[in-house]
Amino acid sequence: MTSREQLLAATFVDLADTLVAGFDVVDFLHTLATRSVQLLDVDAAGIMLADQHGGLRVMASSTEEARLLELYELQNDEGPCLDCYRSGAPVVRDDLSAMYSVWPSFTEQLRQLGFHSAQALPMRLRDETIGALNLFRIQPGGLSEADLGIGQAMADVATVGLIQERAIAASEQLATHLQVALTSRVQLEQAKGVLAQRTGLPMDETFEVMRAYARSHNRRLSDVATQIIDGSLRDDQLRKRPSTKPSSSRLT
């Protein structure tokens, strides 16, 4: 088995592993975004999910550029992720000139950030679409059929995992979970900014520092973010490794 096949197998296990105590939606979706970049011929990825009102919200991104592109989609009500969510079907655009005729504002922002193609894959189970996976490439051209198939399979498994987690917590609705996750995401963005200001680290790296600390100390990302914001978790504590690493049921 090649290293890519091993990572793909581990990814499917991670994305199916939602039935654990302290399940963290934001960390789960960040795994989907980062593994998409590692496994597919793309340079950045992001995820939007619908809240309880049906409006899309940015939930995870592999880079700051991907997050900005997704926010730009929402602000201008145009782009591949929105079309994908509304149609429940994949959206593939690999030519900038053609994209300008469909999404003029989004395409200009895409070009300014150095990307030349965009794809979006639905997070859908049967007739229910809960969001979309955005994939961006620096080089012109779309993904191969094989990569599109793998990307859709990962999105499908993640969707099943999220809906399955809802089924186990029968008294709650998926939209409620996503609203809580959205609140956590806002806290994370605030914590990233605080940590970047205190340490001088780029925004992408601050998230990885927080995530590594949360995983190594068996903590929720939202709890770590809260402590960074209120100052109860110092920079030196964030970078310090625990003497013994708690056991984890998730692959990393």
C-alpha atoms as a PDB file:
ATOM      1  CA  MET A   1       0.000   0.000   0.000  1.00  0.00           C
ATOM      2  CA  THR A   2       1.401   3.405  -1.006  1.00  0.00           C
ATOM      3  CA  SER A   3       1.646   6.313   1.445  1.00  0.00           C
ATOM      4  CA  ARG A   4      -1.247   8.031  -0.388  1.00  0.00           C
ATOM      5  CA  GLU A   5      -3.397   4.921  -0.078  1.00  0.00           C
ATOM      6  CA  GLN A   6      -2.539   4.691   3.618  1.00  0.00           C
ATOM      7  CA  LEU A   7      -3.479   8.341   4.171  1.00  0.00           C
ATOM      8  CA  LEU A   8      -6.712   7.853   2.229  1.00  0.00           C
ATOM      9  CA  ALA A   9      -7.624   4.826   4.331  1.00  0.00           C
ATOM     10  CA  ALA A  10      -6.841   6.734   7.542  1.00  0.00           C
ATOM     11  CA  THR A  11      -8.918   9.666   6.291  1.00  0.00           C
ATOM     12  CA  PHE A  12     -11.993   7.525   5.742  1.00  0.00           C
ATOM     13  CA  VAL A  13     -11.604   6.130   9.263  1.00  0.00           C
ATOM     14  CA  ASP A  14     -11.293   9.655  10.699  1.00  0.00           C
ATOM     15  CA  LEU A  15     -14.314  10.922   8.765  1.00  0.00           C
ATOM     16  CA  ALA A  16     -16.446   7.984   9.869  1.00  0.00           C
ATOM     17  CA  ASP A  17     -15.412   8.336  13.518  1.00  0.00           C
ATOM     18  CA  THR A  18     -18.070  10.759  14.752  1.00  0.00           C
ATOM     19  CA  LEU A  19     -19.544   8.583  17.480  1.00  0.00           C
ATOM     20  CA  VAL A  20     -17.020   9.552  20.141  1.00  0.00           C
ATOM     21  CA  ALA A  21     -17.369  11.452  23.394  1.00  0.00           C
ATOM     22  CA  GLY A  22     -16.612  15.140  22.969  1.00  0.00           C
ATOM     23  CA  PHE A  23     -17.044  15.048  19.172  1.00  0.00           C
ATOM     24  CA  ASP A  24     -15.735  18.352  17.769  1.00  0.00           C
ATOM     25  CA  VAL A  25     -17.432  19.425  14.524  1.00  0.00           C
ATOM     26  CA  VAL A  26     -14.887  22.151  13.723  1.00  0.00           C
ATOM     27  CA  ASP A  27     -11.897  19.837  14.159  1.00  0.00           C
ATOM     28  CA  PHE A  28     -13.702  17.164  12.126  1.00  0.00           C
ATOM     29  CA  LEU A  29     -14.311  19.553   9.224  1.00  0.00           C
ATOM     30  CA  HIS A  30     -10.771  20.923   9.396  1.00  0.00           C
ATOM     31  CA  THR A  31      -9.577  17.340   8.921  1.00  0.00           C
ATOM     32  CA  LEU A  32     -11.702  17.072   5.769  1.00  0.00           C
ATOM     33  CA  ALA A  33     -10.280  20.349   4.407  1.00  0.00           C
ATOM     34  CA  THR A  34      -6.619  19.570   5.090  1.00  0.00           C
ATOM     35  CA  ARG A  35      -6.831  15.963   3.895  1.00  0.00           C
ATOM     36  CA  SER A  36      -8.467  17.171   0.666  1.00  0.00           C
ATOM     37  CA  VAL A  37      -5.349  19.226  -0.059  1.00  0.00           C
ATOM     38  CA  GLN A  38      -3.044  16.343   0.887  1.00  0.00           C
ATOM     39  CA  LEU A  39      -4.874  13.740  -1.201  1.00  0.00           C
ATOM     40  CA  LEU A  40      -6.184  15.673  -4.206  1.00  0.00           C
ATOM     41  CA  ASP A  41      -4.477  17.795  -6.852  1.00  0.00           C
ATOM     42  CA  VAL A  42      -5.634  21.051  -5.237  1.00  0.00           C
ATOM     43  CA  ASP A  43      -3.876  23.857  -3.389  1.00  0.00           C
ATOM     44  CA  ALA A  44      -6.581  24.924  -0.941  1.00  0.00           C
ATOM     45  CA  ALA A  45      -9.919  23.713   0.353  1.00  0.00           C
ATOM     46  CA  GLY A  46     -12.788  25.037   2.415  1.00  0.00           C
ATOM     47  CA  ILE A  47     -16.129  23.874   3.741  1.00  0.00           C
ATOM     48  CA  MET A  48     -19.453  25.625   4.124  1.00  0.00           C
ATOM     49  CA  LEU A  49     -22.400  24.147   6.016  1.00  0.00           C
ATOM     50  CA  ALA A  50     -25.975  25.346   6.326  1.00  0.00           C
ATOM     51  CA  ASP A  51     -27.201  26.757   9.634  1.00  0.00           C
ATOM     52  CA  GLN A  52     -30.692  26.216  11.064  1.00  0.00           C
ATOM     53  CA  HIS A  53     -32.087  28.897   8.746  1.00  0.00           C
ATOM     54  CA  GLY A  54     -30.602  27.306   5.611  1.00  0.00           C
ATOM     55  CA  GLY A  55     -27.930  29.971   5.187  1.00  0.00           C
ATOM     56  CA  LEU A  56     -24.391  28.856   4.418  1.00  0.00           C
ATOM     57  CA  ARG A  57     -21.571  29.562   6.843  1.00  0.00           C
ATOM     58  CA  VAL A  58     -17.807  29.090   6.516  1.00  0.00           C
ATOM     59  CA  MET A  59     -16.884  26.226   8.844  1.00  0.00           C
ATOM     60  CA  ALA A  60     -13.337  25.184   7.907  1.00  0.00           C
ATOM     61  CA  SER A  61     -10.523  26.077   5.521  1.00  0.00           C
ATOM     62  CA  SER A  62      -7.053  24.749   4.807  1.00  0.00           C
ATOM     63  CA  THR A  63      -5.563  28.228   4.318  1.00  0.00           C
ATOM     64  CA  GLU A  64      -6.426  31.836   5.034  1.00  0.00           C
ATOM     65  CA  GLU A  65      -6.837  32.401   1.269  1.00  0.00           C
ATOM     66  CA  ALA A  66      -9.498  29.688   1.084  1.00  0.00           C
ATOM     67  CA  ARG A  67     -11.349  31.258   4.020  1.00  0.00           C
ATOM     68  CA  LEU A  68     -11.281  34.676   2.362  1.00  0.00           C
ATOM     69  CA  LEU A  69     -12.606  33.235  -0.903  1.00  0.00           C
ATOM     70  CA  GLU A  70     -15.484  31.542   0.873  1.00  0.00           C
ATOM     71  CA  LEU A  71     -16.348  34.705   2.783  1.00  0.00           C
ATOM     72  CA  TYR A  72     -16.266  36.595  -0.513  1.00  0.00           C
ATOM     73  CA  GLU A  73     -18.717  34.078  -1.990  1.00  0.00           C
ATOM     74  CA  LEU A  74     -21.161  34.700   0.840  1.00  0.00           C
ATOM     75  CA  GLN A  75     -20.780  38.486   0.742  1.00  0.00           C
ATOM     76  CA  ASN A  76     -21.421  38.632  -3.020  1.00  0.00           C
ATOM     77  CA  ASP A  77     -23.885  35.734  -3.229  1.00  0.00           C
ATOM     78  CA  GLU A  78     -21.984  34.086  -6.067  1.00  0.00           C
ATOM     79  CA  GLY A  79     -19.491  31.283  -6.471  1.00  0.00           C
ATOM     80  CA  PRO A  80     -19.111  27.524  -6.854  1.00  0.00           C
ATOM     81  CA  CYS A  81     -19.985  26.571  -3.278  1.00  0.00           C
ATOM     82  CA  LEU A  82     -23.307  28.415  -3.361  1.00  0.00           C
ATOM     83  CA  ASP A  83     -24.271  26.936  -6.733  1.00  0.00           C
ATOM     84  CA  CYS A  84     -23.243  23.479  -5.551  1.00  0.00           C
ATOM     85  CA  TYR A  85     -25.298  23.721  -2.358  1.00  0.00           C
ATOM     86  CA  ARG A  86     -28.354  25.038  -4.174  1.00  0.00           C
ATOM     87  CA  SER A  87     -28.252  22.389  -6.906  1.00  0.00           C
ATOM     88  CA  GLY A  88     -26.943  19.481  -4.836  1.00  0.00           C
ATOM     89  CA  ALA A  89     -24.610  18.669  -7.741  1.00  0.00           C
ATOM     90  CA  PRO A  90     -20.848  19.066  -8.308  1.00  0.00           C
ATOM     91  CA  VAL A  91     -19.705  22.367  -9.836  1.00  0.00           C
ATOM     92  CA  VAL A  92     -16.459  22.336 -11.827  1.00  0.00           C
ATOM     93  CA  ARG A  93     -14.952  25.454 -13.429  1.00  0.00           C
ATOM     94  CA  ASP A  94     -11.412  25.284 -14.822  1.00  0.00           C
ATOM     95  CA  ASP A  95     -11.319  28.295 -17.156  1.00  0.00           C
ATOM     96  CA  LEU A  96     -11.113  31.846 -15.804  1.00  0.00           C
ATOM     97  CA  SER A  97     -12.623  33.477 -18.887  1.00  0.00           C
ATOM     98  CA  ALA A  98     -15.695  31.251 -18.657  1.00  0.00           C
ATOM     99  CA  MET A  99     -15.921  31.809 -14.906  1.00  0.00           C
ATOM    100  CA  TYR A 100     -16.047  35.602 -15.369  1.00  0.00           C
ATOM    101  CA  SER A 101     -19.339  35.226 -17.243  1.00  0.00           C
ATOM    102  CA  VAL A 102     -20.879  33.256 -14.360  1.00  0.00           C
ATOM    103  CA  TRP A 103     -19.285  34.745 -11.214  1.00  0.00           C
ATOM    104  CA  PRO A 104     -17.556  38.027 -12.208  1.00  0.00           C
ATOM    105  CA  SER A 105     -16.810  39.346  -8.712  1.00  0.00           C
ATOM    106  CA  PHE A 106     -15.796  35.989  -7.262  1.00  0.00           C
ATOM    107  CA  THR A 107     -13.595  35.153 -10.260  1.00  0.00           C
ATOM    108  CA  GLU A 108     -11.704  38.436  -9.966  1.00  0.00           C
ATOM    109  CA  GLN A 109     -11.079  37.754  -6.273  1.00  0.00           C
ATOM    110  CA  LEU A 110      -9.998  34.206  -7.136  1.00  0.00           C
ATOM    111  CA  ARG A 111      -7.504  35.542  -9.688  1.00  0.00           C
ATOM    112  CA  GLN A 112      -6.131  38.167  -7.301  1.00  0.00           C
ATOM    113  CA  LEU A 113      -5.403  35.456  -4.735  1.00  0.00           C
ATOM    114  CA  GLY A 114      -3.485  33.454  -7.342  1.00  0.00           C
ATOM    115  CA  PHE A 115      -5.978  30.692  -8.161  1.00  0.00           C
ATOM    116  CA  HIS A 116      -7.130  29.689 -11.632  1.00  0.00           C
ATOM    117  CA  SER A 117      -9.800  27.040 -11.118  1.00  0.00           C
ATOM    118  CA  ALA A 118     -12.490  26.170  -8.595  1.00  0.00           C
ATOM    119  CA  GLN A 119     -14.538  23.077  -7.882  1.00  0.00           C
ATOM    120  CA  ALA A 120     -17.274  22.432  -5.336  1.00  0.00           C
ATOM    121  CA  LEU A 121     -18.577  19.040  -4.256  1.00  0.00           C
ATOM    122  CA  PRO A 122     -21.901  18.621  -2.443  1.00  0.00           C
ATOM    123  CA  MET A 123     -22.099  17.293   1.087  1.00  0.00           C
ATOM    124  CA  ARG A 124     -25.282  15.390   0.442  1.00  0.00           C
ATOM    125  CA  LEU A 125     -27.094  12.254   1.555  1.00  0.00           C
ATOM    126  CA  ARG A 126     -29.932  11.282  -0.759  1.00  0.00           C
ATOM    127  CA  ASP A 127     -32.112  14.410  -1.058  1.00  0.00           C
ATOM    128  CA  GLU A 128     -30.558  16.284   1.870  1.00  0.00           C
ATOM    129  CA  THR A 129     -27.688  18.664   1.122  1.00  0.00           C
ATOM    130  CA  ILE A 130     -26.069  20.085   4.244  1.00  0.00           C
ATOM    131  CA  GLY A 131     -23.167  21.984   2.667  1.00  0.00           C
ATOM    132  CA  ALA A 132     -20.350  21.846   0.138  1.00  0.00           C
ATOM    133  CA  LEU A 133     -16.609  21.221  -0.121  1.00  0.00           C
ATOM    134  CA  ASN A 134     -14.737  23.950  -2.040  1.00  0.00           C
ATOM    135  CA  LEU A 135     -11.521  23.024  -3.882  1.00  0.00           C
ATOM    136  CA  PHE A 136      -9.147  25.595  -5.400  1.00  0.00           C
ATOM    137  CA  ARG A 137      -6.183  25.163  -7.778  1.00  0.00           C
ATOM    138  CA  ILE A 138      -3.356  27.558  -8.603  1.00  0.00           C
ATOM    139  CA  GLN A 139      -2.757  25.926 -11.979  1.00  0.00           C
ATOM    140  CA  PRO A 140      -5.415  26.114 -14.716  1.00  0.00           C
ATOM    141  CA  GLY A 141      -7.395  22.959 -15.367  1.00  0.00           C
ATOM    142  CA  GLY A 142      -9.779  20.845 -13.374  1.00  0.00           C
ATOM    143  CA  LEU A 143      -9.365  17.733 -11.297  1.00  0.00           C
ATOM    144  CA  SER A 144      -9.107  14.321 -12.877  1.00  0.00           C
ATOM    145  CA  GLU A 145     -12.143  12.047 -12.760  1.00  0.00           C
ATOM    146  CA  ALA A 146     -10.287   9.913 -10.210  1.00  0.00           C
ATOM    147  CA  ASP A 147      -9.624  12.887  -7.911  1.00  0.00           C
ATOM    148  CA  LEU A 148     -13.198  14.118  -8.262  1.00  0.00           C
ATOM    149  CA  GLY A 149     -14.395  10.659  -7.292  1.00  0.00           C
ATOM    150  CA  ILE A 150     -12.133  10.537  -4.235  1.00  0.00           C
ATOM    151  CA  GLY A 151     -13.129  14.060  -3.207  1.00  0.00           C
ATOM    152  CA  GLN A 152     -16.824  13.245  -3.505  1.00  0.00           C
ATOM    153  CA  ALA A 153     -16.328  10.023  -1.549  1.00  0.00           C
ATOM    154  CA  MET A 154     -14.676  11.952   1.295  1.00  0.00           C
ATOM    155  CA  ALA A 155     -17.482  14.525   1.273  1.00  0.00           C
ATOM    156  CA  ASP A 156     -20.056  11.718   1.302  1.00  0.00           C
ATOM    157  CA  VAL A 157     -18.441   9.916   4.235  1.00  0.00           C
ATOM    158  CA  ALA A 158     -18.192  13.166   6.194  1.00  0.00           C
ATOM    159  CA  THR A 159     -21.864  13.895   5.494  1.00  0.00           C
ATOM    160  CA  VAL A 160     -22.937  10.442   6.630  1.00  0.00           C
ATOM    161  CA  GLY A 161     -20.838  10.889   9.770  1.00  0.00           C
ATOM    162  CA  LEU A 162     -22.481  14.218  10.607  1.00  0.00           C
ATOM    163  CA  ILE A 163     -25.989  12.915   9.968  1.00  0.00           C
ATOM    164  CA  GLN A 164     -25.247   9.718  11.882  1.00  0.00           C
ATOM    165  CA  GLU A 165     -24.075  11.784  14.828  1.00  0.00           C
ATOM    166  CA  ARG A 166     -27.419  13.579  14.694  1.00  0.00           C
ATOM    167  CA  ALA A 167     -29.278  10.279  14.688  1.00  0.00           C
ATOM    168  CA  ILE A 168     -27.469   9.138  17.835  1.00  0.00           C
ATOM    169  CA  ALA A 169     -28.335  12.412  19.570  1.00  0.00           C
ATOM    170  CA  ALA A 170     -32.007  11.961  18.652  1.00  0.00           C
ATOM    171  CA  SER A 171     -33.222  14.818  20.827  1.00  0.00           C
ATOM    172  CA  GLU A 172     -31.173  17.369  18.897  1.00  0.00           C
ATOM    173  CA  GLN A 173     -31.235  18.538  15.296  1.00  0.00           C
ATOM    174  CA  LEU A 174     -28.236  18.755  12.970  1.00  0.00           C
ATOM    175  CA  ALA A 175     -28.885  22.466  12.558  1.00  0.00           C
ATOM    176  CA  THR A 176     -28.427  22.918  16.299  1.00  0.00           C
ATOM    177  CA  HIS A 177     -25.075  21.115  16.145  1.00  0.00           C
ATOM    178  CA  LEU A 178     -24.010  23.330  13.273  1.00  0.00           C
ATOM    179  CA  GLN A 179     -25.099  26.490  15.078  1.00  0.00           C
ATOM    180  CA  VAL A 180     -22.978  25.499  18.070  1.00  0.00           C
ATOM    181  CA  ALA A 181     -20.122  24.755  15.681  1.00  0.00           C
ATOM    182  CA  LEU A 182     -20.554  28.170  14.054  1.00  0.00           C
ATOM    183  CA  THR A 183     -20.274  29.847  17.454  1.00  0.00           C
ATOM    184  CA  SER A 184     -17.134  27.823  18.129  1.00  0.00           C
ATOM    185  CA  ARG A 185     -15.750  28.866  14.741  1.00  0.00           C
ATOM    186  CA  VAL A 186     -16.213  32.547  15.604  1.00  0.00           C
ATOM    187  CA  GLN A 187     -14.327  31.967  18.863  1.00  0.00           C
ATOM    188  CA  LEU A 188     -11.548  30.200  16.964  1.00  0.00           C
ATOM    189  CA  GLU A 189     -11.138  33.109  14.553  1.00  0.00           C
ATOM    190  CA  GLN A 190     -10.917  35.502  17.507  1.00  0.00           C
ATOM    191  CA  ALA A 191      -8.370  33.269  19.229  1.00  0.00           C
ATOM    192  CA  LYS A 192      -6.308  33.000  16.026  1.00  0.00           C
ATOM    193  CA  GLY A 193      -6.153  36.773  15.844  1.00  0.00           C
ATOM    194  CA  VAL A 194      -5.196  37.107  19.504  1.00  0.00           C
ATOM    195  CA  LEU A 195      -2.480  34.459  19.178  1.00  0.00           C
ATOM    196  CA  ALA A 196      -1.150  35.944  15.931  1.00  0.00           C
ATOM    197  CA  GLN A 197      -0.866  39.353  17.579  1.00  0.00           C
ATOM    198  CA  ARG A 198       0.880  37.941  20.646  1.00  0.00           C
ATOM    199  CA  THR A 199       3.315  35.632  18.848  1.00  0.00           C
ATOM    200  CA  GLY A 200       3.728  37.115  15.365  1.00  0.00           C
ATOM    201  CA  LEU A 201       2.757  33.781  13.785  1.00  0.00           C
ATOM    202  CA  PRO A 202       0.753  33.681  10.519  1.00  0.00           C
ATOM    203  CA  MET A 203      -2.959  32.965  10.954  1.00  0.00           C
ATOM    204  CA  ASP A 204      -2.673  29.485   9.393  1.00  0.00           C
ATOM    205  CA  GLU A 205       0.017  28.503  11.893  1.00  0.00           C
ATOM    206  CA  THR A 206      -1.895  29.777  14.912  1.00  0.00           C
ATOM    207  CA  PHE A 207      -4.712  27.343  14.155  1.00  0.00           C
ATOM    208  CA  GLU A 208      -2.274  24.440  13.928  1.00  0.00           C
ATOM    209  CA  VAL A 209      -0.718  25.442  17.274  1.00  0.00           C
ATOM    210  CA  MET A 210      -4.153  25.487  18.919  1.00  0.00           C
ATOM    211  CA  ARG A 211      -5.185  22.243  17.280  1.00  0.00           C
ATOM    212  CA  ALA A 212      -1.986  20.450  18.305  1.00  0.00           C
ATOM    213  CA  TYR A 213      -2.428  21.612  21.908  1.00  0.00           C
ATOM    214  CA  ALA A 214      -6.089  20.555  21.975  1.00  0.00           C
ATOM    215  CA  ARG A 215      -5.307  17.095  20.637  1.00  0.00           C
ATOM    216  CA  SER A 216      -2.257  16.461  22.806  1.00  0.00           C
ATOM    217  CA  HIS A 217      -4.148  17.527  25.938  1.00  0.00           C
ATOM    218  CA  ASN A 218      -7.459  15.865  24.965  1.00  0.00           C
ATOM    219  CA  ARG A 219      -9.238  19.233  24.947  1.00  0.00           C
ATOM    220  CA  ARG A 220     -11.929  20.717  22.730  1.00  0.00           C
ATOM    221  CA  LEU A 221     -10.761  23.414  20.315  1.00  0.00           C
ATOM    222  CA  SER A 222     -13.498  25.765  21.497  1.00  0.00           C
ATOM    223  CA  ASP A 223     -12.304  25.462  25.111  1.00  0.00           C
ATOM    224  CA  VAL A 224      -8.708  26.185  24.095  1.00  0.00           C
ATOM    225  CA  ALA A 225      -9.869  29.204  22.070  1.00  0.00           C
ATOM    226  CA  THR A 226     -11.805  30.578  25.046  1.00  0.00           C
ATOM    227  CA  GLN A 227      -8.741  30.327  27.280  1.00  0.00           C
ATOM    228  CA  ILE A 228      -6.552  32.078  24.703  1.00  0.00           C
ATOM    229  CA  ILE A 229      -9.050  34.924  24.420  1.00  0.00           C
ATOM    230  CA  ASP A 230      -9.400  35.412  28.177  1.00  0.00           C
ATOM    231  CA  GLY A 231      -5.629  35.050  28.709  1.00  0.00           C
ATOM    232  CA  SER A 232      -5.767  32.046  31.041  1.00  0.00           C
ATOM    233  CA  LEU A 233      -3.731  29.943  28.578  1.00  0.00           C
ATOM    234  CA  ARG A 234      -0.248  31.377  28.056  1.00  0.00           C
ATOM    235  CA  ASP A 235       1.849  31.129  24.896  1.00  0.00           C
ATOM    236  CA  ASP A 236       4.506  29.004  26.608  1.00  0.00           C
ATOM    237  CA  GLN A 237       1.830  26.537  27.745  1.00  0.00           C
ATOM    238  CA  LEU A 238       0.505  26.239  24.198  1.00  0.00           C
ATOM    239  CA  ARG A 239       3.902  25.232  22.870  1.00  0.00           C
ATOM    240  CA  LYS A 240       4.773  22.884  25.740  1.00  0.00           C
ATOM    241  CA  ARG A 241       4.213  19.191  25.089  1.00  0.00           C
ATOM    242  CA  PRO A 242       2.591  17.099  27.836  1.00  0.00           C
ATOM    243  CA  SER A 243       4.794  14.562  29.620  1.00  0.00           C
ATOM    244  CA  THR A 244       2.425  11.759  28.636  1.00  0.00           C
ATOM    245  CA  LYS A 245       0.100  11.968  25.691  1.00  0.00           C
ATOM    246  CA  PRO A 246      -3.489  10.948  26.415  1.00  0.00           C
ATOM    247  CA  SER A 247      -4.806   8.072  24.355  1.00  0.00           C
ATOM    248  CA  SER A 248      -7.018   9.039  21.433  1.00  0.00           C
ATOM    249  CA  SER A 249      -9.469   7.112  19.351  1.00  0.00           C
ATOM    250  CA  ARG A 250      -8.826   9.350  16.315  1.00  0.00           C
ATOM    251  CA  LEU A 251      -6.072   8.917  13.761  1.00  0.00           C
ATOM    252  CA  THR A 252      -3.815  11.911  13.120  1.00  0.00           C
END
